[in-house]
Amino acid sequence: MSEILEGLLLVSYQAVTEEFEEHAEKAKTLPENTTNENKLILYGLYKQATVGAVNTVCRPGIFNLKDRAKWDAWRLWKSKEEAMNDYITKVKQLQEEAAAAASA
């Protein structure tokens, strides 16, 4: 029974990984006016999904605002699969918002 469950989990993880990779490509086509806040959310989720937990001990200094914001966005406590799912959802949301703005 556990072999069947392990097989199902592996197939599920592979499906999420494939969809994540598709949406990572779609994220590259988001409009240039995508807010920095949304870009940071995507960055953090992407890093969490591909690398895992933030891998540096020290937070960048206060005068290094860009790297500090990226570090903060990455410092999520999610599993890789959860980060992938959240990333997919966020890209879909931003695509829908861009489509609605284009048709308005």
PDB file of N, CA and C in Angstrom:
ATOM      1  N   MET A   1       0.827  -1.198   0.000  1.00  0.00           N
ATOM      2  CA  MET A   1       0.000   0.000   0.000  1.00  0.00           C
ATOM      3  C   MET A   1       0.862   1.249   0.000  1.00  0.00           C
ATOM      4  N   SER A   2       1.948   1.249   0.786  1.00  0.00           N
ATOM      5  CA  SER A   2       2.780   2.449   0.858  1.00  0.00           C
ATOM      6  C   SER A   2       3.486   2.704  -0.467  1.00  0.00           C
ATOM      7  N   GLU A   3       3.787   1.645  -1.247  1.00  0.00           N
ATOM      8  CA  GLU A   3       4.411   1.829  -2.553  1.00  0.00           C
ATOM      9  C   GLU A   3       3.468   2.564  -3.491  1.00  0.00           C
ATOM     10  N   ILE A   4       2.191   2.259  -3.423  1.00  0.00           N
ATOM     11  CA  ILE A   4       1.186   2.931  -4.258  1.00  0.00           C
ATOM     12  C   ILE A   4       1.101   4.401  -3.874  1.00  0.00           C
ATOM     13  N   LEU A   5       1.057   4.678  -2.590  1.00  0.00           N
ATOM     14  CA  LEU A   5       0.989   6.055  -2.116  1.00  0.00           C
ATOM     15  C   LEU A   5       2.233   6.843  -2.522  1.00  0.00           C
ATOM     16  N   GLU A   6       3.398   6.237  -2.397  1.00  0.00           N
ATOM     17  CA  GLU A   6       4.644   6.890  -2.803  1.00  0.00           C
ATOM     18  C   GLU A   6       4.622   7.188  -4.296  1.00  0.00           C
ATOM     19  N   GLY A   7       4.117   6.258  -5.085  1.00  0.00           N
ATOM     20  CA  GLY A   7       4.013   6.456  -6.539  1.00  0.00           C
ATOM     21  C   GLY A   7       3.083   7.610  -6.885  1.00  0.00           C
ATOM     22  N   LEU A   8       1.949   7.680  -6.196  1.00  0.00           N
ATOM     23  CA  LEU A   8       0.994   8.764  -6.431  1.00  0.00           C
ATOM     24  C   LEU A   8       1.584  10.115  -6.047  1.00  0.00           C
ATOM     25  N   LEU A   9       2.285  10.152  -4.931  1.00  0.00           N
ATOM     26  CA  LEU A   9       2.914  11.400  -4.499  1.00  0.00           C
ATOM     27  C   LEU A   9       3.972  11.850  -5.500  1.00  0.00           C
ATOM     28  N   LEU A  10       4.732  10.922  -6.034  1.00  0.00           N
ATOM     29  CA  LEU A  10       5.761  11.244  -7.017  1.00  0.00           C
ATOM     30  C   LEU A  10       5.136  11.799  -8.291  1.00  0.00           C
ATOM     31  N   VAL A  11       4.071  11.176  -8.763  1.00  0.00           N
ATOM     32  CA  VAL A  11       3.382  11.651  -9.964  1.00  0.00           C
ATOM     33  C   VAL A  11       2.812  13.041  -9.715  1.00  0.00           C
ATOM     34  N   SER A  12       2.228  13.258  -8.543  1.00  0.00           N
ATOM     35  CA  SER A  12       1.664  14.563  -8.197  1.00  0.00           C
ATOM     36  C   SER A  12       2.751  15.624  -8.166  1.00  0.00           C
ATOM     37  N   TYR A  13       3.881  15.314  -7.555  1.00  0.00           N
ATOM     38  CA  TYR A  13       4.995  16.268  -7.468  1.00  0.00           C
ATOM     39  C   TYR A  13       5.533  16.585  -8.855  1.00  0.00           C
ATOM     40  N   GLN A  14       5.642  15.578  -9.709  1.00  0.00           N
ATOM     41  CA  GLN A  14       6.128  15.794 -11.070  1.00  0.00           C
ATOM     42  C   GLN A  14       5.172  16.689 -11.852  1.00  0.00           C
ATOM     43  N   ALA A  15       3.864  16.486 -11.674  1.00  0.00           N
ATOM     44  CA  ALA A  15       2.874  17.318 -12.358  1.00  0.00           C
ATOM     45  C   ALA A  15       2.970  18.771 -11.898  1.00  0.00           C
ATOM     46  N   VAL A  16       3.122  18.981 -10.612  1.00  0.00           N
ATOM     47  CA  VAL A  16       3.256  20.337 -10.073  1.00  0.00           C
ATOM     48  C   VAL A  16       4.542  20.970 -10.597  1.00  0.00           C
ATOM     49  N   THR A  17       5.615  20.207 -10.645  1.00  0.00           N
ATOM     50  CA  THR A  17       6.895  20.719 -11.141  1.00  0.00           C
ATOM     51  C   THR A  17       6.779  21.152 -12.599  1.00  0.00           C
ATOM     52  N   GLU A  18       6.128  20.345 -13.416  1.00  0.00           N
ATOM     53  CA  GLU A  18       5.940  20.693 -14.825  1.00  0.00           C
ATOM     54  C   GLU A  18       5.109  21.964 -14.974  1.00  0.00           C
ATOM     55  N   GLU A  19       4.020  22.060 -14.228  1.00  0.00           N
ATOM     56  CA  GLU A  19       3.172  23.253 -14.296  1.00  0.00           C
ATOM     57  C   GLU A  19       3.929  24.481 -13.789  1.00  0.00           C
ATOM     58  N   PHE A  20       4.734  24.295 -12.742  1.00  0.00           N
ATOM     59  CA  PHE A  20       5.549  25.386 -12.221  1.00  0.00           C
ATOM     60  C   PHE A  20       6.504  25.902 -13.292  1.00  0.00           C
ATOM     61  N   GLU A  21       7.177  24.983 -13.979  1.00  0.00           N
ATOM     62  CA  GLU A  21       8.120  25.376 -15.030  1.00  0.00           C
ATOM     63  C   GLU A  21       7.419  26.116 -16.158  1.00  0.00           C
ATOM     64  N   GLU A  22       6.211  25.680 -16.521  1.00  0.00           N
ATOM     65  CA  GLU A  22       5.422  26.373 -17.548  1.00  0.00           C
ATOM     66  C   GLU A  22       5.100  27.803 -17.102  1.00  0.00           C
ATOM     67  N   HIS A  23       4.703  27.955 -15.855  1.00  0.00           N
ATOM     68  CA  HIS A  23       4.334  29.283 -15.357  1.00  0.00           C
ATOM     69  C   HIS A  23       5.556  30.166 -15.108  1.00  0.00           C
ATOM     70  N   ALA A  24       6.707  29.553 -14.860  1.00  0.00           N
ATOM     71  CA  ALA A  24       7.936  30.343 -14.751  1.00  0.00           C
ATOM     72  C   ALA A  24       8.242  30.988 -16.097  1.00  0.00           C
ATOM     73  N   GLU A  25       7.977  30.275 -17.186  1.00  0.00           N
ATOM     74  CA  GLU A  25       8.154  30.856 -18.529  1.00  0.00           C
ATOM     75  C   GLU A  25       7.104  31.926 -18.791  1.00  0.00           C
ATOM     76  N   LYS A  26       5.869  31.675 -18.389  1.00  0.00           N
ATOM     77  CA  LYS A  26       4.799  32.658 -18.578  1.00  0.00           C
ATOM     78  C   LYS A  26       5.064  33.932 -17.787  1.00  0.00           C
ATOM     79  N   ALA A  27       5.703  33.804 -16.635  1.00  0.00           N
ATOM     80  CA  ALA A  27       6.000  34.977 -15.805  1.00  0.00           C
ATOM     81  C   ALA A  27       6.915  35.945 -16.539  1.00  0.00           C
ATOM     82  N   LYS A  28       7.739  35.423 -17.436  1.00  0.00           N
ATOM     83  CA  LYS A  28       8.651  36.274 -18.207  1.00  0.00           C
ATOM     84  C   LYS A  28       7.907  37.177 -19.179  1.00  0.00           C
ATOM     85  N   THR A  29       6.644  36.865 -19.458  1.00  0.00           N
ATOM     86  CA  THR A  29       5.856  37.660 -20.400  1.00  0.00           C
ATOM     87  C   THR A  29       4.884  38.609 -19.699  1.00  0.00           C
ATOM     88  N   LEU A  30       4.968  38.697 -18.384  1.00  0.00           N
ATOM     89  CA  LEU A  30       4.085  39.630 -17.666  1.00  0.00           C
ATOM     90  C   LEU A  30       4.428  41.060 -18.082  1.00  0.00           C
ATOM     91  N   PRO A  31       3.456  41.964 -18.024  1.00  0.00           N
ATOM     92  CA  PRO A  31       3.703  43.341 -18.449  1.00  0.00           C
ATOM     93  C   PRO A  31       4.803  44.011 -17.635  1.00  0.00           C
ATOM     94  N   GLU A  32       5.462  44.959 -18.251  1.00  0.00           N
ATOM     95  CA  GLU A  32       6.531  45.683 -17.568  1.00  0.00           C
ATOM     96  C   GLU A  32       6.012  46.491 -16.384  1.00  0.00           C
ATOM     97  N   ASN A  33       4.732  46.819 -16.400  1.00  0.00           N
ATOM     98  CA  ASN A  33       4.179  47.610 -15.297  1.00  0.00           C
ATOM     99  C   ASN A  33       3.761  46.752 -14.105  1.00  0.00           C
ATOM    100  N   THR A  34       4.176  45.475 -14.093  1.00  0.00           N
ATOM    101  CA  THR A  34       3.952  44.632 -12.918  1.00  0.00           C
ATOM    102  C   THR A  34       4.660  45.286 -11.741  1.00  0.00           C
ATOM    103  N   THR A  35       3.959  45.413 -10.634  1.00  0.00           N
ATOM    104  CA  THR A  35       4.522  46.150  -9.495  1.00  0.00           C
ATOM    105  C   THR A  35       5.733  45.440  -8.908  1.00  0.00           C
ATOM    106  N   ASN A  36       6.597  46.218  -8.288  1.00  0.00           N
ATOM    107  CA  ASN A  36       7.759  45.641  -7.610  1.00  0.00           C
ATOM    108  C   ASN A  36       7.331  44.681  -6.507  1.00  0.00           C
ATOM    109  N   GLU A  37       6.226  45.010  -5.845  1.00  0.00           N
ATOM    110  CA  GLU A  37       5.718  44.131  -4.786  1.00  0.00           C
ATOM    111  C   GLU A  37       5.395  42.745  -5.352  1.00  0.00           C
ATOM    112  N   ASN A  38       4.705  42.715  -6.493  1.00  0.00           N
ATOM    113  CA  ASN A  38       4.366  41.433  -7.110  1.00  0.00           C
ATOM    114  C   ASN A  38       5.612  40.722  -7.637  1.00  0.00           C
ATOM    115  N   LYS A  39       6.570  41.477  -8.161  1.00  0.00           N
ATOM    116  CA  LYS A  39       7.823  40.871  -8.621  1.00  0.00           C
ATOM    117  C   LYS A  39       8.578  40.239  -7.450  1.00  0.00           C
ATOM    118  N   LEU A  40       8.569  40.904  -6.302  1.00  0.00           N
ATOM    119  CA  LEU A  40       9.236  40.344  -5.121  1.00  0.00           C
ATOM    120  C   LEU A  40       8.539  39.080  -4.627  1.00  0.00           C
ATOM    121  N   ILE A  41       7.217  39.083  -4.679  1.00  0.00           N
ATOM    122  CA  ILE A  41       6.460  37.884  -4.283  1.00  0.00           C
ATOM    123  C   ILE A  41       6.856  36.718  -5.187  1.00  0.00           C
ATOM    124  N   LEU A  42       6.871  36.966  -6.507  1.00  0.00           N
ATOM    125  CA  LEU A  42       7.249  35.921  -7.448  1.00  0.00           C
ATOM    126  C   LEU A  42       8.692  35.471  -7.218  1.00  0.00           C
ATOM    127  N   TYR A  43       9.581  36.422  -6.978  1.00  0.00           N
ATOM    128  CA  TYR A  43      10.989  36.090  -6.731  1.00  0.00           C
ATOM    129  C   TYR A  43      11.120  35.174  -5.517  1.00  0.00           C
ATOM    130  N   GLY A  44      10.480  35.560  -4.429  1.00  0.00           N
ATOM    131  CA  GLY A  44      10.563  34.768  -3.204  1.00  0.00           C
ATOM    132  C   GLY A  44      10.011  33.370  -3.388  1.00  0.00           C
ATOM    133  N   LEU A  45       8.870  33.262  -4.044  1.00  0.00           N
ATOM    134  CA  LEU A  45       8.266  31.950  -4.277  1.00  0.00           C
ATOM    135  C   LEU A  45       9.132  31.113  -5.214  1.00  0.00           C
ATOM    136  N   TYR A  46       9.699  31.750  -6.239  1.00  0.00           N
ATOM    137  CA  TYR A  46      10.554  31.034  -7.180  1.00  0.00           C
ATOM    138  C   TYR A  46      11.794  30.479  -6.474  1.00  0.00           C
ATOM    139  N   LYS A  47      12.440  31.318  -5.687  1.00  0.00           N
ATOM    140  CA  LYS A  47      13.639  30.878  -4.973  1.00  0.00           C
ATOM    141  C   LYS A  47      13.302  29.765  -3.984  1.00  0.00           C
ATOM    142  N   GLN A  48      12.186  29.905  -3.288  1.00  0.00           N
ATOM    143  CA  GLN A  48      11.778  28.881  -2.320  1.00  0.00           C
ATOM    144  C   GLN A  48      11.496  27.561  -3.046  1.00  0.00           C
ATOM    145  N   ALA A  49      10.866  27.657  -4.223  1.00  0.00           N
ATOM    146  CA  ALA A  49      10.518  26.456  -4.983  1.00  0.00           C
ATOM    147  C   ALA A  49      11.734  25.787  -5.611  1.00  0.00           C
ATOM    148  N   THR A  50      12.730  26.568  -6.008  1.00  0.00           N
ATOM    149  CA  THR A  50      13.857  25.998  -6.723  1.00  0.00           C
ATOM    150  C   THR A  50      15.072  25.733  -5.845  1.00  0.00           C
ATOM    151  N   VAL A  51      15.279  26.555  -4.822  1.00  0.00           N
ATOM    152  CA  VAL A  51      16.456  26.416  -3.959  1.00  0.00           C
ATOM    153  C   VAL A  51      16.075  25.870  -2.589  1.00  0.00           C
ATOM    154  N   GLY A  52      14.930  26.299  -2.104  1.00  0.00           N
ATOM    155  CA  GLY A  52      14.516  25.950  -0.748  1.00  0.00           C
ATOM    156  C   GLY A  52      14.659  27.160   0.155  1.00  0.00           C
ATOM    157  N   ALA A  53      14.836  26.910   1.421  1.00  0.00           N
ATOM    158  CA  ALA A  53      14.955  28.000   2.394  1.00  0.00           C
ATOM    159  C   ALA A  53      16.148  28.885   2.063  1.00  0.00           C
ATOM    160  N   VAL A  54      16.036  30.142   2.447  1.00  0.00           N
ATOM    161  CA  VAL A  54      17.126  31.088   2.203  1.00  0.00           C
ATOM    162  C   VAL A  54      18.430  30.490   2.712  1.00  0.00           C
ATOM    163  N   ASN A  55      19.468  30.573   1.880  1.00  0.00           N
ATOM    164  CA  ASN A  55      20.699  29.854   2.211  1.00  0.00           C
ATOM    165  C   ASN A  55      21.833  30.767   2.668  1.00  0.00           C
ATOM    166  N   THR A  56      21.484  31.948   3.093  1.00  0.00           N
ATOM    167  CA  THR A  56      22.492  32.834   3.683  1.00  0.00           C
ATOM    168  C   THR A  56      22.053  33.187   5.093  1.00  0.00           C
ATOM    169  N   VAL A  57      23.000  33.257   5.977  1.00  0.00           N
ATOM    170  CA  VAL A  57      22.690  33.518   7.379  1.00  0.00           C
ATOM    171  C   VAL A  57      22.395  34.992   7.614  1.00  0.00           C
ATOM    172  N   CYS A  58      23.167  35.839   6.978  1.00  0.00           N
ATOM    173  CA  CYS A  58      23.074  37.272   7.248  1.00  0.00           C
ATOM    174  C   CYS A  58      22.158  37.977   6.262  1.00  0.00           C
ATOM    175  N   ARG A  59      21.268  38.755   6.795  1.00  0.00           N
ATOM    176  CA  ARG A  59      20.403  39.601   5.984  1.00  0.00           C
ATOM    177  C   ARG A  59      21.255  40.751   5.442  1.00  0.00           C
ATOM    178  N   PRO A  60      21.097  41.103   4.145  1.00  0.00           N
ATOM    179  CA  PRO A  60      21.870  42.221   3.599  1.00  0.00           C
ATOM    180  C   PRO A  60      21.650  43.506   4.403  1.00  0.00           C
ATOM    181  N   GLY A  61      22.660  44.354   4.390  1.00  0.00           N
ATOM    182  CA  GLY A  61      22.634  45.588   5.167  1.00  0.00           C
ATOM    183  C   GLY A  61      21.563  46.569   4.744  1.00  0.00           C
ATOM    184  N   ILE A  62      21.278  47.508   5.618  1.00  0.00           N
ATOM    185  CA  ILE A  62      20.198  48.467   5.410  1.00  0.00           C
ATOM    186  C   ILE A  62      20.428  49.367   4.191  1.00  0.00           C
ATOM    187  N   PHE A  63      21.674  49.540   3.797  1.00  0.00           N
ATOM    188  CA  PHE A  63      21.956  50.400   2.650  1.00  0.00           C
ATOM    189  C   PHE A  63      21.897  49.640   1.326  1.00  0.00           C
ATOM    190  N   ASN A  64      21.720  48.359   1.392  1.00  0.00           N
ATOM    191  CA  ASN A  64      21.591  47.518   0.207  1.00  0.00           C
ATOM    192  C   ASN A  64      20.114  47.143   0.067  1.00  0.00           C
ATOM    193  N   LEU A  65      19.285  48.112  -0.278  1.00  0.00           N
ATOM    194  CA  LEU A  65      17.830  47.947  -0.240  1.00  0.00           C
ATOM    195  C   LEU A  65      17.318  46.859  -1.178  1.00  0.00           C
ATOM    196  N   LYS A  66      17.863  46.805  -2.395  1.00  0.00           N
ATOM    197  CA  LYS A  66      17.372  45.830  -3.365  1.00  0.00           C
ATOM    198  C   LYS A  66      17.629  44.403  -2.883  1.00  0.00           C
ATOM    199  N   ASP A  67      18.860  44.104  -2.492  1.00  0.00           N
ATOM    200  CA  ASP A  67      19.174  42.749  -2.029  1.00  0.00           C
ATOM    201  C   ASP A  67      18.453  42.414  -0.728  1.00  0.00           C
ATOM    202  N   ARG A  68      18.270  43.407   0.112  1.00  0.00           N
ATOM    203  CA  ARG A  68      17.560  43.204   1.378  1.00  0.00           C
ATOM    204  C   ARG A  68      16.096  42.825   1.118  1.00  0.00           C
ATOM    205  N   ALA A  69      15.455  43.523   0.163  1.00  0.00           N
ATOM    206  CA  ALA A  69      14.061  43.227  -0.180  1.00  0.00           C
ATOM    207  C   ALA A  69      13.941  41.833  -0.790  1.00  0.00           C
ATOM    208  N   LYS A  70      14.898  41.468  -1.647  1.00  0.00           N
ATOM    209  CA  LYS A  70      14.877  40.135  -2.249  1.00  0.00           C
ATOM    210  C   LYS A  70      15.080  39.063  -1.184  1.00  0.00           C
ATOM    211  N   TRP A  71      15.998  39.294  -0.257  1.00  0.00           N
ATOM    212  CA  TRP A  71      16.247  38.337   0.822  1.00  0.00           C
ATOM    213  C   TRP A  71      14.995  38.161   1.666  1.00  0.00           C
ATOM    214  N   ASP A  72      14.346  39.286   1.993  1.00  0.00           N
ATOM    215  CA  ASP A  72      13.114  39.226   2.789  1.00  0.00           C
ATOM    216  C   ASP A  72      12.016  38.456   2.062  1.00  0.00           C
ATOM    217  N   ALA A  73      11.915  38.663   0.740  1.00  0.00           N
ATOM    218  CA  ALA A  73      10.887  37.964  -0.038  1.00  0.00           C
ATOM    219  C   ALA A  73      11.157  36.460  -0.083  1.00  0.00           C
ATOM    220  N   TRP A  74      12.418  36.086  -0.094  1.00  0.00           N
ATOM    221  CA  TRP A  74      12.805  34.680  -0.176  1.00  0.00           C
ATOM    222  C   TRP A  74      12.648  33.979   1.163  1.00  0.00           C
ATOM    223  N   ARG A  75      12.696  34.706   2.231  1.00  0.00           N
ATOM    224  CA  ARG A  75      12.700  34.117   3.573  1.00  0.00           C
ATOM    225  C   ARG A  75      11.311  33.607   3.979  1.00  0.00           C
ATOM    226  N   LEU A  76      10.747  32.786   3.150  1.00  0.00           N
ATOM    227  CA  LEU A  76       9.450  32.175   3.439  1.00  0.00           C
ATOM    228  C   LEU A  76       9.681  30.825   4.088  1.00  0.00           C
ATOM    229  N   TRP A  77       8.729  30.379   4.829  1.00  0.00           N
ATOM    230  CA  TRP A  77       8.833  29.056   5.438  1.00  0.00           C
ATOM    231  C   TRP A  77       7.783  28.155   4.828  1.00  0.00           C
ATOM    232  N   LYS A  78       8.035  27.764   3.573  1.00  0.00           N
ATOM    233  CA  LYS A  78       7.105  26.904   2.859  1.00  0.00           C
ATOM    234  C   LYS A  78       7.866  25.709   2.306  1.00  0.00           C
ATOM    235  N   SER A  79       7.138  24.664   2.029  1.00  0.00           N
ATOM    236  CA  SER A  79       7.751  23.545   1.324  1.00  0.00           C
ATOM    237  C   SER A  79       7.934  23.953  -0.135  1.00  0.00           C
ATOM    238  N   LYS A  80       8.796  23.238  -0.828  1.00  0.00           N
ATOM    239  CA  LYS A  80       9.009  23.552  -2.240  1.00  0.00           C
ATOM    240  C   LYS A  80       7.711  23.398  -3.027  1.00  0.00           C
ATOM    241  N   GLU A  81       6.966  22.345  -2.732  1.00  0.00           N
ATOM    242  CA  GLU A  81       5.714  22.108  -3.463  1.00  0.00           C
ATOM    243  C   GLU A  81       4.696  23.210  -3.177  1.00  0.00           C
ATOM    244  N   GLU A  82       4.595  23.637  -1.939  1.00  0.00           N
ATOM    245  CA  GLU A  82       3.676  24.718  -1.592  1.00  0.00           C
ATOM    246  C   GLU A  82       4.094  26.014  -2.294  1.00  0.00           C
ATOM    247  N   ALA A  83       5.381  26.283  -2.333  1.00  0.00           N
ATOM    248  CA  ALA A  83       5.875  27.482  -3.022  1.00  0.00           C
ATOM    249  C   ALA A  83       5.571  27.409  -4.519  1.00  0.00           C
ATOM    250  N   MET A  84       5.718  26.215  -5.106  1.00  0.00           N
ATOM    251  CA  MET A  84       5.391  26.054  -6.528  1.00  0.00           C
ATOM    252  C   MET A  84       3.918  26.353  -6.783  1.00  0.00           C
ATOM    253  N   ASN A  85       3.052  25.784  -5.947  1.00  0.00           N
ATOM    254  CA  ASN A  85       1.615  26.020  -6.111  1.00  0.00           C
ATOM    255  C   ASN A  85       1.261  27.492  -5.934  1.00  0.00           C
ATOM    256  N   ASP A  86       1.849  28.151  -4.953  1.00  0.00           N
ATOM    257  CA  ASP A  86       1.589  29.575  -4.737  1.00  0.00           C
ATOM    258  C   ASP A  86       2.099  30.410  -5.904  1.00  0.00           C
ATOM    259  N   TYR A  87       3.248  30.028  -6.462  1.00  0.00           N
ATOM    260  CA  TYR A  87       3.817  30.727  -7.613  1.00  0.00           C
ATOM    261  C   TYR A  87       2.875  30.605  -8.811  1.00  0.00           C
ATOM    262  N   ILE A  88       2.402  29.410  -9.080  1.00  0.00           N
ATOM    263  CA  ILE A  88       1.473  29.177 -10.194  1.00  0.00           C
ATOM    264  C   ILE A  88       0.228  30.038 -10.024  1.00  0.00           C
ATOM    265  N   THR A  89      -0.334  30.038  -8.826  1.00  0.00           N
ATOM    266  CA  THR A  89      -1.529  30.837  -8.544  1.00  0.00           C
ATOM    267  C   THR A  89      -1.265  32.319  -8.771  1.00  0.00           C
ATOM    268  N   LYS A  90      -0.117  32.808  -8.312  1.00  0.00           N
ATOM    269  CA  LYS A  90       0.209  34.238  -8.447  1.00  0.00           C
ATOM    270  C   LYS A  90       0.390  34.629  -9.915  1.00  0.00           C
ATOM    271  N   VAL A  91       1.068  33.794 -10.695  1.00  0.00           N
ATOM    272  CA  VAL A  91       1.245  34.093 -12.121  1.00  0.00           C
ATOM    273  C   VAL A  91      -0.108  34.129 -12.815  1.00  0.00           C
ATOM    274  N   LYS A  92      -0.978  33.170 -12.518  1.00  0.00           N
ATOM    275  CA  LYS A  92      -2.322  33.158 -13.110  1.00  0.00           C
ATOM    276  C   LYS A  92      -3.073  34.439 -12.758  1.00  0.00           C
ATOM    277  N   GLN A  93      -2.986  34.850 -11.493  1.00  0.00           N
ATOM    278  CA  GLN A  93      -3.658  36.068 -11.041  1.00  0.00           C
ATOM    279  C   GLN A  93      -3.141  37.287 -11.806  1.00  0.00           C
ATOM    280  N   LEU A  94      -1.839  37.403 -11.938  1.00  0.00           N
ATOM    281  CA  LEU A  94      -1.252  38.548 -12.632  1.00  0.00           C
ATOM    282  C   LEU A  94      -1.587  38.532 -14.121  1.00  0.00           C
ATOM    283  N   GLN A  95      -1.663  37.358 -14.717  1.00  0.00           N
ATOM    284  CA  GLN A  95      -2.059  37.259 -16.122  1.00  0.00           C
ATOM    285  C   GLN A  95      -3.507  37.707 -16.308  1.00  0.00           C
ATOM    286  N   GLU A  96      -4.381  37.290 -15.396  1.00  0.00           N
ATOM    287  CA  GLU A  96      -5.788  37.696 -15.471  1.00  0.00           C
ATOM    288  C   GLU A  96      -5.922  39.201 -15.308  1.00  0.00           C
ATOM    289  N   GLU A  97      -5.179  39.780 -14.364  1.00  0.00           N
ATOM    290  CA  GLU A  97      -5.227  41.226 -14.158  1.00  0.00           C
ATOM    291  C   GLU A  97      -4.729  41.970 -15.391  1.00  0.00           C
ATOM    292  N   ALA A  98      -3.672  41.465 -16.011  1.00  0.00           N
ATOM    293  CA  ALA A  98      -3.124  42.093 -17.219  1.00  0.00           C
ATOM    294  C   ALA A  98      -4.108  42.006 -18.369  1.00  0.00           C
ATOM    295  N   ALA A  99      -4.786  40.868 -18.516  1.00  0.00           N
ATOM    296  CA  ALA A  99      -5.781  40.698 -19.580  1.00  0.00           C
ATOM    297  C   ALA A  99      -6.968  41.623 -19.380  1.00  0.00           C
ATOM    298  N   ALA A 100      -7.406  41.759 -18.109  1.00  0.00           N
ATOM    299  CA  ALA A 100      -8.540  42.654 -17.813  1.00  0.00           C
ATOM    300  C   ALA A 100      -8.162  44.108 -18.090  1.00  0.00           C
ATOM    301  N   ALA A 101      -6.934  44.496 -17.748  1.00  0.00           N
ATOM    302  CA  ALA A 101      -6.485  45.875 -17.981  1.00  0.00           C
ATOM    303  C   ALA A 101      -6.364  46.154 -19.468  1.00  0.00           C
ATOM    304  N   ALA A 102      -5.948  45.152 -20.242  1.00  0.00           N
ATOM    305  CA  ALA A 102      -5.788  45.322 -21.683  1.00  0.00           C
ATOM    306  C   ALA A 102      -7.122  45.462 -22.384  1.00  0.00           C
ATOM    307  N   SER A 103      -8.144  44.801 -21.856  1.00  0.00           N
ATOM    308  CA  SER A 103      -9.466  44.857 -22.506  1.00  0.00           C
ATOM    309  C   SER A 103     -10.316  46.024 -22.012  1.00  0.00           C
ATOM    310  N   ALA A 104      -9.846  46.717 -21.007  1.00  0.00           N
ATOM    311  CA  ALA A 104     -10.628  47.842 -20.440  1.00  0.00           C
ATOM    312  C   ALA A 104     -10.445  49.105 -21.261  1.00  0.00           C
TER     313      ALA A 104
END
